Protein backbone atom coordinates (compact mmCIF):
# COMPACT_ATOMS: atom_id res chain seq x y z
CA MET A 1 0.00 0.00 0.00
CA ILE A 2 1.00 3.62 0.05
CA GLN A 3 3.30 5.00 2.69
CA SER A 4 5.32 8.20 2.38
CA LYS A 5 7.87 9.37 4.87
CA ARG A 6 9.52 12.63 3.91
CA LYS A 7 8.84 16.15 2.72
CA LEU A 8 8.89 17.01 -0.98
CA SER A 9 12.48 18.25 -1.09
CA LYS A 10 13.69 14.79 -0.06
CA LEU A 11 10.92 12.45 -1.14
CA SER A 12 12.48 9.40 0.47
CA GLY A 13 9.31 7.58 1.51
CA ARG A 14 9.24 3.80 1.33
CA HIS A 15 6.17 3.48 -0.91
CA SER A 16 4.94 6.29 -3.10
CA LEU A 17 2.69 6.54 -6.14
CA LEU A 18 4.60 7.50 -9.27
CA LEU A 19 3.67 11.03 -10.30
CA TRP A 20 7.11 12.47 -11.01
CA GLY A 21 6.44 12.53 -14.73
CA HIS A 22 3.60 15.02 -14.13
CA PHE A 23 5.64 17.62 -12.29
CA PRO A 24 6.01 20.02 -15.26
CA LEU A 25 2.35 20.81 -14.59
CA ILE A 26 3.31 22.32 -11.26
CA ALA A 27 4.68 25.39 -12.96
CA LYS A 28 1.21 26.15 -14.28
CA GLY A 29 -0.06 27.24 -10.93
CA CYS A 30 0.19 26.98 -7.18
CA ALA A 31 -3.18 25.25 -6.96
CA ILE A 32 -2.02 22.37 -9.14
CA PHE A 33 1.25 22.22 -7.21
CA SER A 34 -0.56 21.87 -3.90
CA ALA A 35 -2.91 19.19 -5.15
CA VAL A 36 -0.15 17.09 -6.70
CA LEU A 37 2.06 17.58 -3.65
CA ILE A 38 -0.57 16.24 -1.27
CA PHE A 39 -1.44 13.33 -3.52
CA LEU A 40 2.19 12.44 -4.13
CA LEU A 41 3.28 12.32 -0.56
CA ASN A 42 0.08 10.80 0.83
CA TYR A 43 0.51 12.76 4.03
CA ARG A 44 -2.32 13.23 6.48
CA PHE A 45 -1.47 15.73 9.20
CA THR A 46 -2.86 16.16 12.68
CA THR A 47 -1.93 18.25 15.71
CA SER A 48 0.96 16.87 17.76
CA SER A 49 3.15 17.98 20.62
CA LEU A 50 6.54 16.82 21.80
CA SER A 51 6.52 15.32 25.26
CA ASP A 52 9.18 14.10 27.66
CA SER A 53 7.17 11.15 28.86
CA PHE A 54 7.76 7.41 28.75
CA HIS A 55 4.95 4.97 28.02
CA ALA A 56 4.99 1.30 28.90
CA SER A 57 2.08 -0.13 26.95
CA GLY A 58 0.25 -3.39 27.51
CA SER A 59 -0.33 -5.48 30.58
CA ALA A 60 2.13 -8.18 29.49
CA ALA A 61 5.10 -6.23 30.81
CA SER A 62 3.80 -6.58 34.38
CA LYS A 63 3.41 -10.37 34.37
CA ARG A 64 6.02 -12.18 36.42
CA ASN A 65 8.26 -14.81 34.82
CA LYS A 66 6.32 -14.64 31.56
CA GLU A 67 7.75 -16.61 28.67
CA PHE A 68 7.52 -14.55 25.50
CA GLN A 69 5.50 -16.44 22.92
CA SER A 70 6.76 -15.72 19.42
CA LEU A 71 4.02 -15.63 16.80
CA GLN A 72 3.80 -18.81 14.78
CA PRO A 73 3.67 -18.68 10.97
CA TYR A 74 0.17 -18.33 9.66
CA PRO A 75 -0.77 -20.84 6.96
CA ASN A 76 -2.10 -19.53 3.68
CA ASN A 77 -5.29 -21.56 3.93
CA LEU A 78 -6.93 -19.65 6.76
CA PRO A 79 -10.73 -19.72 6.58
CA THR A 80 -11.02 -16.05 5.62
CA THR A 81 -8.68 -13.15 5.04
CA LYS A 82 -10.73 -11.11 7.49
CA SER A 83 -10.02 -13.54 10.32
CA SER A 84 -6.31 -13.21 9.60
CA ILE A 85 -6.45 -9.44 9.62
CA ASP A 86 -8.53 -9.30 12.81
CA GLU A 87 -6.13 -11.56 14.69
CA TRP A 88 -3.05 -9.69 13.54
CA GLU A 89 -4.67 -6.36 14.30
CA ARG A 90 -5.08 -7.41 17.92
CA ASN A 91 -1.52 -8.69 18.15
CA THR A 92 0.26 -5.81 16.43
CA LYS A 93 -1.64 -2.70 17.49
CA ARG A 94 1.27 -1.85 19.80
CA PRO A 95 4.73 -3.40 20.09
CA LEU A 96 5.07 -5.61 23.13
CA VAL A 97 7.37 -3.98 25.69
CA GLY A 98 9.42 -5.33 28.59
CA SER A 99 11.90 -8.10 29.36
CA TYR A 100 10.99 -11.79 29.53
CA ARG A 101 12.22 -15.31 29.87
CA TYR A 102 12.04 -16.49 26.27
CA SER A 103 12.91 -20.17 26.63
CA SER A 104 14.84 -22.53 28.88
CA ILE A 105 18.10 -21.14 27.43
CA ALA A 106 17.35 -17.54 26.50
CA THR A 107 15.85 -14.26 27.65
CA ILE A 108 14.46 -11.54 25.43
CA GLN A 109 14.52 -7.78 25.80
CA LEU A 110 11.95 -5.81 23.83
CA PRO A 111 11.67 -2.01 24.06
CA LEU A 112 11.39 -1.17 27.74
CA VAL A 113 8.98 1.56 26.75
CA ASP A 114 7.35 3.16 23.73
CA ILE A 115 7.85 6.89 24.17
CA GLU A 116 4.40 8.31 23.48
CA GLU A 117 3.51 11.96 23.17
CA ASP A 118 0.09 11.69 24.85
CA ASP A 119 1.19 10.35 28.25
CA MET A 120 2.33 13.05 30.64
CA ILE A 121 3.32 10.84 33.59
CA PRO A 122 6.48 8.72 33.21
CA LYS A 123 5.79 5.05 33.87
CA ARG A 124 8.26 2.47 35.06
CA ALA A 125 8.87 -0.56 32.84
CA ASP A 126 8.57 -3.75 34.88
CA SER A 127 11.42 -6.17 34.25
CA THR A 128 10.49 -8.68 36.94
CA GLY A 129 11.70 -12.18 36.17
CA PHE A 130 14.36 -10.97 33.72
CA ASP A 131 17.96 -12.10 34.10
CA ARG A 132 19.53 -8.75 34.92
CA SER A 133 23.15 -9.86 34.62
CA ASN A 134 24.86 -7.26 32.49
CA ALA A 135 21.48 -5.76 31.51
CA GLU A 136 23.00 -2.26 31.37
CA ASP A 137 24.93 -3.36 28.26
CA VAL A 138 21.68 -3.47 26.28
CA VAL A 139 19.43 -0.65 25.07
CA VAL A 140 16.12 -1.18 23.24
CA LEU A 141 13.83 1.81 22.75
CA THR A 142 11.18 2.99 20.31
CA ARG A 143 8.83 5.89 19.67
CA LYS A 144 5.64 5.75 17.68
CA GLY A 145 5.49 8.28 14.89
CA HIS A 146 2.79 10.64 13.64
CA LYS A 147 1.61 9.35 10.28
CA PHE A 148 -1.70 8.34 8.78
CA ASN A 149 -2.92 5.74 6.30
CA GLN A 150 -4.39 7.20 3.15
CA GLU A 151 -6.59 4.13 2.84
CA ASP A 152 -8.61 4.64 6.03
CA GLY A 153 -7.43 7.96 7.47
CA LEU A 154 -6.40 6.28 10.72
CA ARG A 155 -3.13 6.85 12.51
CA THR A 156 -0.55 4.21 11.65
CA PRO A 157 0.57 1.95 14.52
CA ASN A 158 4.24 1.83 15.41
CA GLN A 159 5.68 -0.25 12.56
CA ASP A 160 9.17 -0.68 14.06
CA ARG A 161 10.23 -3.82 15.90
CA VAL A 162 13.50 -3.98 17.85
CA LEU A 163 14.68 -6.70 20.22
CA VAL A 164 17.65 -8.50 21.78
CA LEU A 165 17.74 -12.24 22.44
CA LYS A 166 20.39 -13.34 24.95
CA LYS A 167 21.59 -16.90 25.43
CA ASN A 168 21.90 -17.89 29.07
CA GLY A 169 24.37 -20.14 30.77
CA ASN A 170 27.66 -18.44 29.82
CA SER A 171 29.98 -18.06 32.80
CA ILE A 172 32.18 -15.46 31.14
CA ILE A 173 30.51 -12.24 30.02
CA GLY A 174 32.79 -11.83 27.03
CA ASP A 175 31.80 -15.29 25.76
CA GLN A 176 28.08 -14.66 25.94
CA ASP A 177 26.12 -15.20 22.74
CA TRP A 178 23.29 -12.87 21.77
CA TRP A 179 21.25 -11.74 18.80
CA MET A 180 19.72 -8.35 18.10
CA GLY A 181 17.21 -7.51 15.41
CA LEU A 182 15.69 -4.40 13.88
CA PHE A 183 12.76 -4.40 11.44
CA ASP A 184 11.16 -1.22 10.06
CA GLY A 185 7.79 -1.84 8.45
CA HIS A 186 6.30 0.07 5.53
CA GLY A 187 2.99 -0.11 3.75
CA TYR A 188 -0.53 -0.47 5.10
CA TYR A 189 0.32 -3.78 6.81
CA GLY A 190 3.92 -2.83 7.57
CA HIS A 191 3.56 -3.47 11.30
CA PHE A 192 2.12 -6.91 10.53
CA VAL A 193 5.20 -7.79 8.49
CA SER A 194 7.75 -6.42 10.97
CA GLN A 195 6.01 -8.26 13.84
CA PHE A 196 5.87 -11.50 11.87
CA VAL A 197 9.52 -11.29 10.80
CA SER A 198 10.88 -10.31 14.22
CA SER A 199 8.93 -13.08 15.96
CA GLU A 200 9.98 -15.71 13.43
CA PHE A 201 13.62 -14.60 13.49
CA SER A 202 13.90 -14.82 17.27
CA ARG A 203 12.16 -18.21 17.28
CA ARG A 204 14.56 -19.61 14.69
CA ILE A 205 17.68 -18.22 16.35
CA ASN A 206 16.58 -19.76 19.66
CA LYS A 207 15.90 -23.08 17.92
CA GLU A 208 19.38 -23.09 16.42
CA TRP A 209 20.92 -22.33 19.81
CA GLU A 210 19.06 -25.28 21.31
CA GLY A 211 20.57 -27.60 18.71
CA GLN A 212 24.16 -26.29 18.75
CA ASN A 213 26.78 -27.69 21.07
CA SER A 214 29.85 -26.22 19.40
CA LEU A 215 30.88 -23.26 17.28
CA ARG A 216 30.29 -23.51 13.57
CA SER A 217 32.48 -22.16 10.81
CA SER A 218 31.80 -18.65 9.55
CA MET A 219 30.60 -19.99 6.20
CA VAL A 220 28.14 -22.39 7.83
CA GLU A 221 26.82 -19.61 10.09
CA LYS A 222 26.42 -17.22 7.14
CA ASP A 223 24.57 -19.88 5.15
CA SER A 224 22.30 -20.53 8.11
CA LEU A 225 21.45 -16.83 8.45
CA ARG A 226 20.77 -16.57 4.72
CA THR A 227 18.41 -19.54 4.97
CA ILE A 228 16.55 -17.84 7.83
CA PHE A 229 16.06 -14.68 5.76
CA LEU A 230 14.78 -16.60 2.73
CA ASP A 231 12.57 -19.02 4.68
CA ILE A 232 10.88 -16.27 6.70
CA ASN A 233 10.21 -14.28 3.56
CA ARG A 234 8.61 -17.30 1.89
CA SER A 235 6.36 -17.84 4.91
CA ILE A 236 4.92 -14.30 5.03
CA PRO A 237 1.11 -14.65 4.77
CA ASP A 238 -0.40 -13.67 1.44
CA PHE A 239 -2.63 -10.94 2.82
CA MET A 240 0.49 -8.99 3.85
CA ARG A 241 2.12 -9.26 0.42
CA SER A 242 1.75 -5.56 -0.50
CA ALA A 243 3.68 -4.44 2.61
CA GLY A 244 7.21 -5.10 3.80
CA CYS A 245 9.98 -4.28 6.22
CA THR A 246 13.71 -3.76 6.39
CA GLY A 247 15.78 -6.30 8.27
CA ILE A 248 18.96 -6.08 10.32
CA SER A 249 20.25 -9.16 12.14
CA ILE A 250 23.34 -8.99 14.38
CA LEU A 251 24.49 -12.29 15.84
CA LYS A 252 27.28 -12.49 18.42
CA ARG A 253 28.57 -16.06 18.56
CA GLY A 254 31.89 -16.76 20.24
CA ASN A 255 34.51 -14.38 18.85
CA SER A 256 32.52 -13.59 15.71
CA LEU A 257 29.94 -10.93 14.97
CA TYR A 258 27.63 -11.64 12.02
CA ILE A 259 25.88 -8.56 10.64
CA SER A 260 23.18 -9.15 8.01
CA ASN A 261 21.14 -6.49 6.26
CA VAL A 262 18.32 -6.01 3.78
CA GLY A 263 16.84 -2.57 3.11
CA ASP A 264 17.86 0.88 4.25
CA SER A 265 17.99 0.71 8.04
CA VAL A 266 21.42 1.32 9.57
CA ALA A 267 23.80 -0.74 11.71
CA PHE A 268 27.34 0.10 12.74
CA VAL A 269 30.13 -0.92 15.08
CA ALA A 270 32.20 1.76 16.80
CA SER A 271 35.33 1.78 18.93
CA TYR A 272 35.52 4.22 21.82
CA ASP A 273 38.44 5.49 23.86
CA LYS A 274 36.94 6.91 27.02
CA SER A 275 40.28 8.23 28.32
CA ASN A 276 39.31 11.59 26.81
CA SER A 277 35.52 11.60 26.89
CA SER A 278 35.30 15.29 25.95
CA SER A 279 36.70 14.69 22.46
CA LYS A 280 34.69 13.57 19.46
CA LYS A 281 37.84 12.05 17.96
CA ASN A 282 37.85 9.20 20.45
CA LEU A 283 34.97 7.48 18.62
CA LYS A 284 35.60 5.69 15.34
CA ILE A 285 33.06 3.93 13.14
CA ILE A 286 34.90 0.75 12.19
CA TYR A 287 32.04 -0.91 10.32
CA ALA A 288 28.70 0.18 8.86
CA THR A 289 26.08 -1.55 6.74
CA LYS A 290 25.48 -0.36 3.20
CA PRO A 291 21.84 0.54 2.44
CA HIS A 292 20.23 -1.19 -0.50
CA LYS A 293 19.13 1.57 -2.84
CA PRO A 294 17.75 0.94 -6.37
CA ASN A 295 20.20 3.32 -8.09
CA LEU A 296 23.36 1.59 -6.82
CA PRO A 297 25.12 -0.06 -9.79
CA ASN A 298 24.77 -3.69 -8.68
CA GLU A 299 21.18 -3.19 -7.55
CA ARG A 300 20.17 -1.42 -10.76
CA LYS A 301 21.82 -4.15 -12.85
CA ARG A 302 19.82 -6.89 -11.15
CA ILE A 303 16.57 -4.93 -11.38
CA GLU A 304 16.95 -4.14 -15.07
CA GLU A 305 18.04 -7.69 -15.95
CA MET A 306 14.76 -8.90 -14.43
CA GLY A 307 12.71 -6.44 -16.47
CA GLY A 308 12.21 -3.92 -13.69
CA ARG A 309 13.07 -0.26 -13.85
CA VAL A 310 14.56 2.37 -11.59
CA MET A 311 13.17 5.90 -11.47
CA GLU A 312 15.59 8.58 -10.35
CA SER A 313 14.20 11.28 -8.10
CA PRO A 314 13.97 14.82 -9.52
CA PHE A 315 14.51 16.19 -6.01
CA TYR A 316 17.79 16.71 -4.19
CA GLY A 317 18.42 14.21 -1.44
CA ALA A 318 15.52 11.96 -2.39
CA SER A 319 15.92 8.24 -2.97
CA ALA A 320 15.54 6.62 -6.35
CA ARG A 321 12.65 4.16 -6.68
CA LEU A 322 12.21 0.58 -7.73
CA MET A 323 8.97 0.82 -9.70
CA ILE A 324 6.46 -1.94 -8.94
CA PRO A 325 3.35 -2.25 -11.14
CA MET A 326 0.25 -3.27 -9.18
CA THR A 327 -3.32 -3.87 -10.25
CA ILE A 328 -5.96 -2.01 -8.25
CA GLY A 329 -9.43 -2.79 -9.47
CA SER A 330 -9.35 -2.53 -13.23
CA GLN A 331 -6.32 -0.24 -13.34
CA THR A 332 -2.59 -0.87 -13.17
CA VAL A 333 -0.55 1.72 -11.32
CA GLU A 334 3.12 1.92 -10.42
CA PHE A 335 4.40 2.27 -6.90
CA GLY A 336 7.91 3.33 -6.05
CA LEU A 337 9.85 1.48 -3.34
CA ALA A 338 12.80 3.42 -1.92
CA MET A 339 14.89 0.28 -1.40
CA SER A 340 15.95 -2.59 -3.62
CA ARG A 341 15.83 -5.36 -1.00
CA SER A 342 13.30 -6.04 1.73
CA PHE A 343 11.16 -8.59 3.49
CA GLY A 344 7.71 -8.78 1.93
CA ASP A 345 6.68 -6.45 -0.92
CA LEU A 346 6.09 -9.69 -2.77
CA ASP A 347 4.66 -7.97 -5.86
CA GLY A 348 8.14 -6.57 -6.50
CA GLU A 349 10.01 -9.88 -6.65
CA LYS A 350 9.55 -10.37 -10.39
CA PHE A 351 10.78 -6.83 -11.00
CA GLY A 352 14.10 -7.21 -9.23
CA LEU A 353 13.29 -6.76 -5.54
CA SER A 354 15.49 -9.12 -3.51
CA ILE A 355 15.49 -10.68 -0.05
CA GLU A 356 19.14 -11.73 -0.40
CA PRO A 357 20.97 -10.38 2.69
CA ASP A 358 24.46 -8.97 2.77
CA THR A 359 26.27 -10.63 5.67
CA ASP A 360 29.65 -9.48 6.98
CA VAL A 361 31.67 -11.23 9.67
CA LEU A 362 33.84 -9.35 12.17
CA ASP A 363 36.55 -11.24 14.06
CA LEU A 364 36.33 -9.91 17.61
CA SER A 365 39.56 -11.63 18.64
CA LYS A 366 41.44 -9.07 16.55
CA PHE A 367 39.88 -6.08 18.32
CA ASP A 368 42.07 -3.94 20.58
CA LYS A 369 41.22 -4.93 24.15
CA ASN A 370 42.24 -1.46 25.35
CA GLN A 371 39.26 0.04 23.54
CA ASP A 372 35.55 -0.15 24.28
CA TYR A 373 33.15 -1.19 21.52
CA ILE A 374 29.46 -0.85 20.82
CA VAL A 375 27.16 -2.09 18.09
CA VAL A 376 24.10 -0.02 17.17
CA ALA A 377 21.15 -0.50 14.81
CA ALA A 378 18.63 2.26 14.10
CA THR A 379 15.71 2.90 11.81
CA ASP A 380 15.87 5.68 9.25
CA GLY A 381 13.62 7.73 11.52
CA LEU A 382 16.74 8.32 13.62
CA ILE A 383 19.64 8.18 11.16
CA ASP A 384 18.86 9.51 7.72
CA PHE A 385 19.36 12.46 5.41
CA GLU A 386 19.59 15.62 7.53
CA LYS A 387 18.73 13.72 10.72
CA LEU A 388 21.31 12.42 13.20
CA SER A 389 24.64 11.01 12.02
CA GLU A 390 26.14 7.64 12.89
CA GLU A 391 28.99 9.49 14.62
CA GLU A 392 26.67 11.52 16.85
CA VAL A 393 24.55 8.52 17.77
CA GLY A 394 27.63 6.38 18.33
CA LEU A 395 29.36 8.89 20.59
CA ILE A 396 26.33 9.44 22.83
CA MET A 397 25.58 5.73 23.10
CA ALA A 398 29.25 4.81 23.71
CA LYS A 399 29.54 7.30 26.57
CA ALA A 400 26.37 5.93 28.13
CA LEU A 401 27.10 2.22 27.74
CA THR A 402 30.61 2.58 29.16
CA SER A 403 29.50 4.91 31.94
CA THR A 404 30.64 4.25 35.50
CA GLU A 405 27.42 5.80 36.82
CA GLN A 406 25.97 3.84 39.70
CA LYS A 407 23.62 1.11 38.51
CA THR A 408 19.92 1.35 39.28
CA ASN A 409 17.25 -1.28 39.75
CA ASP A 410 15.05 0.65 37.33
CA LEU A 411 16.34 -0.02 33.82
CA VAL A 412 14.36 2.96 32.50
CA SER A 413 16.77 5.17 34.47
CA SER A 414 19.92 3.47 33.17
CA PRO A 415 22.48 5.65 31.32
CA GLY A 416 21.88 3.77 28.07
CA ILE A 417 18.12 4.24 28.07
CA LYS A 418 18.46 7.92 29.01
CA ALA A 419 20.93 8.43 26.15
CA ALA A 420 18.69 6.66 23.63
CA ARG A 421 15.72 8.71 24.81
CA GLU A 422 17.73 11.91 24.31
CA LEU A 423 18.59 10.88 20.75
CA ILE A 424 15.01 9.92 19.89
CA LEU A 425 13.62 13.19 21.23
CA LYS A 426 16.28 15.18 19.36
CA SER A 427 15.41 13.43 16.12
CA SER A 428 11.72 14.00 16.87
CA GLN A 429 12.32 17.74 17.17
CA ILE A 430 14.02 17.73 13.77
CA TRP A 431 11.05 15.90 12.27
CA ASP A 432 8.63 18.36 13.87
CA SER A 433 10.59 21.38 12.67
CA GLU A 434 10.69 20.06 9.10
CA LEU A 435 7.28 18.50 8.65
CA GLY A 436 5.15 19.80 11.49
CA ASP A 437 2.66 17.05 12.23
CA TYR A 438 4.36 14.21 10.33
CA ARG A 439 7.00 12.11 12.05
CA ASP A 440 8.36 8.66 11.32
CA ASP A 441 8.58 5.88 13.88
CA ILE A 442 12.00 6.06 15.56
CA SER A 443 13.81 3.08 17.09
CA ILE A 444 17.25 2.14 18.32
CA VAL A 445 18.82 -1.03 19.66
CA ALA A 446 22.39 -1.06 20.99
CA HIS A 447 24.71 -3.49 22.71
CA ARG A 448 28.09 -3.06 24.33
CA LEU A 449 30.65 -5.50 22.96
CA ARG A 450 32.60 -7.25 25.69
CA ILE A 451 35.95 -8.24 24.17
């Protein structure tokens, strides 16, 4: 379906209806310009205000020793599409928040809170029953945006999903295995897709942990991750096919860090020398994912070889589009997707859209043990054109995650969560200053690397 996420000068929304060829008409008058502008961007605006409050939604976060139940794949032969939609609507209206025992060998940390603008009283996130060992090394936080569906005029749910799965039973912190995921949904059912993918990914990682007694080679691990990406994509229910999500998977296993990516979310690893915390030069980005954009040479080549086409943006700073023809009623229209790889968006597969992940492996045994390290993943609501930079986000998160500040029993008050909240609110202010009442969902997940 149609989702747009930026102002006209950037036009970097995930899904947008192709009208660029009509823009010479704009010069004929301001009235035409306004009409085309509104239709192109599919923005619906409403009054909003920036608030400093935390919101812990749902009653699940307060249940003691709850085992998080990942959503099982829905078969394609459900009785009716409506029953599928109704069930998913109940399950995905808000991201689940809190920390839980996931299985006999793992715990899961979801966003401790969803920072909402309509709650004025900060609320504590209950982490009862969660294994708190080294919990201050992990940050998971999200904020619902201000955007509306053109189809029904309703406010879009938070379509981001971020989480960390931690394997228990390691006696040495540096040897602990964990997995973190970030999935940014787009399209009318974007939150359905990101929920489905994040739940399936965590379930499959946990299943592999249960069956592994020794370290595997890097090639075997990469092949396994690739299989997970492809299998999950094949199992996405048909009624979600017009929506999709980005995908970042970061797996820490032994002395290796496996970073996989599809789409245009961001992940990076940074080294930090806290001996001079006042200097920006003590942080160095040593690895960053490459976004999958349709106009990149290798991406364009694949798209065009499959009969698809790439439309360049006529606006500075805007993303090129992979054009996807879709039939609506008796008409065929083209939609532009601002990425060349993603989960879902199944109508684009025959036009060059790919689910093939890029996976890089970092050898942690070669890292300088005199440095501190963090790994961060963020949606484009936080790190994007004219928003916050990887360096700024990395520096603030590195200072927080390596802080010697006294630990607190309330994870919401931890240095890492406070730093992530500061970054999200700063990005929110930029969104509000640029677009007024339109703001993307904003999420971050970060982990300190113990070398």
